[in-house]
Amino acid sequence: RWTERGPFQSTLLHFACQGADVATVVALLVHGLPVNGCDDKGWSPSHVAVFYTQPRVLEVLCAAGASLRSATHDGFSPLD
């Protein structure tokens, strides 16, 4: 059930990246949630961490291999 997707194809990792709970993000990554998995608009967990201004979460995602250059369907990357 860890890998089930919710509304708009978001994963639990997408939701966890909204807050500053780094331990939850780490636990979800350990359980195999894809660090670069995108929702239906092309948002990765990194996009979510940047949008919600979660620098510690973003550091964890980058350490796990997150791409900061992946673009949403609108063409925006987390670096934008």
Protein backbone atom coordinates (compact mmCIF):
# COMPACT_ATOMS: atom_id res chain seq x y z
CA ARG A 1 0.00 0.00 0.00
CA TRP A 2 3.00 2.31 0.35
CA THR A 3 3.18 2.76 -3.38
CA GLU A 4 -0.52 3.40 -4.01
CA ARG A 5 -1.31 6.69 -5.66
CA GLY A 6 -3.91 9.13 -4.48
CA PRO A 7 -5.80 11.90 -6.22
CA PHE A 8 -3.96 13.30 -9.22
CA GLN A 9 -1.53 10.32 -9.06
CA SER A 10 0.32 11.78 -6.05
CA THR A 11 2.29 9.41 -3.83
CA LEU A 12 2.66 9.54 -0.06
CA LEU A 13 6.09 11.02 -0.73
CA HIS A 14 4.50 13.98 -2.54
CA PHE A 15 2.34 14.67 0.51
CA ALA A 16 5.22 14.19 2.97
CA CYS A 17 7.34 16.73 1.08
CA GLN A 18 4.84 19.46 1.91
CA GLY A 19 5.95 19.49 5.55
CA ALA A 20 9.25 19.60 7.38
CA ASP A 21 9.10 16.01 8.68
CA VAL A 22 12.37 14.73 7.23
CA ALA A 23 12.06 11.40 9.10
CA THR A 24 8.84 10.57 7.25
CA VAL A 25 10.42 11.42 3.90
CA VAL A 26 13.39 9.18 4.70
CA ALA A 27 11.08 6.34 5.78
CA LEU A 28 9.08 6.55 2.56
CA LEU A 29 12.25 6.51 0.47
CA VAL A 30 13.49 3.47 2.41
CA HIS A 31 10.19 1.73 1.66
CA GLY A 32 10.83 2.21 -2.04
CA LEU A 33 8.77 5.19 -3.08
CA PRO A 34 10.31 6.64 -6.23
CA VAL A 35 12.29 9.81 -5.54
CA ASN A 36 11.54 11.06 -9.07
CA GLY A 37 7.99 9.73 -9.39
CA CYS A 38 5.68 12.31 -10.96
CA ASP A 39 2.02 13.07 -10.47
CA ASP A 40 -0.42 13.70 -13.31
CA LYS A 41 0.98 17.21 -13.91
CA GLY A 42 4.60 16.09 -13.93
CA TRP A 43 5.38 17.29 -10.40
CA SER A 44 8.05 15.25 -8.64
CA PRO A 45 8.56 15.24 -4.86
CA SER A 46 11.34 17.80 -5.46
CA HIS A 47 8.86 20.19 -7.07
CA VAL A 48 6.63 19.85 -4.01
CA ALA A 49 9.50 20.44 -1.55
CA VAL A 50 10.52 23.60 -3.41
CA PHE A 51 6.94 24.87 -3.72
CA TYR A 52 6.38 24.46 0.05
CA THR A 53 9.85 25.85 0.90
CA GLN A 54 11.21 22.73 2.57
CA PRO A 55 15.01 22.97 2.14
CA ARG A 56 15.86 20.06 4.49
CA VAL A 57 13.42 17.81 2.65
CA LEU A 58 14.97 18.87 -0.64
CA GLU A 59 18.44 18.00 0.68
CA VAL A 60 17.24 14.51 1.57
CA LEU A 61 15.63 14.06 -1.84
CA CYS A 62 18.84 15.18 -3.59
CA ALA A 63 20.91 12.80 -1.48
CA ALA A 64 18.55 10.02 -2.60
CA GLY A 65 19.12 10.89 -6.27
CA ALA A 66 16.33 13.34 -7.03
CA SER A 67 16.60 15.21 -10.30
CA LEU A 68 16.32 18.97 -10.05
CA ARG A 69 16.15 19.32 -13.81
CA SER A 70 13.02 17.27 -14.44
CA ALA A 71 10.28 19.45 -15.87
CA THR A 72 6.57 19.49 -15.21
CA HIS A 73 4.16 19.28 -18.13
CA ASP A 74 4.25 23.09 -18.12
CA GLY A 75 8.04 23.05 -18.49
CA PHE A 76 9.12 24.09 -14.98
CA SER A 77 11.88 22.36 -13.02
CA PRO A 78 12.53 22.61 -9.25
CA LEU A 79 15.41 24.94 -10.13
CA ASP A 80 13.03 27.42 -11.73
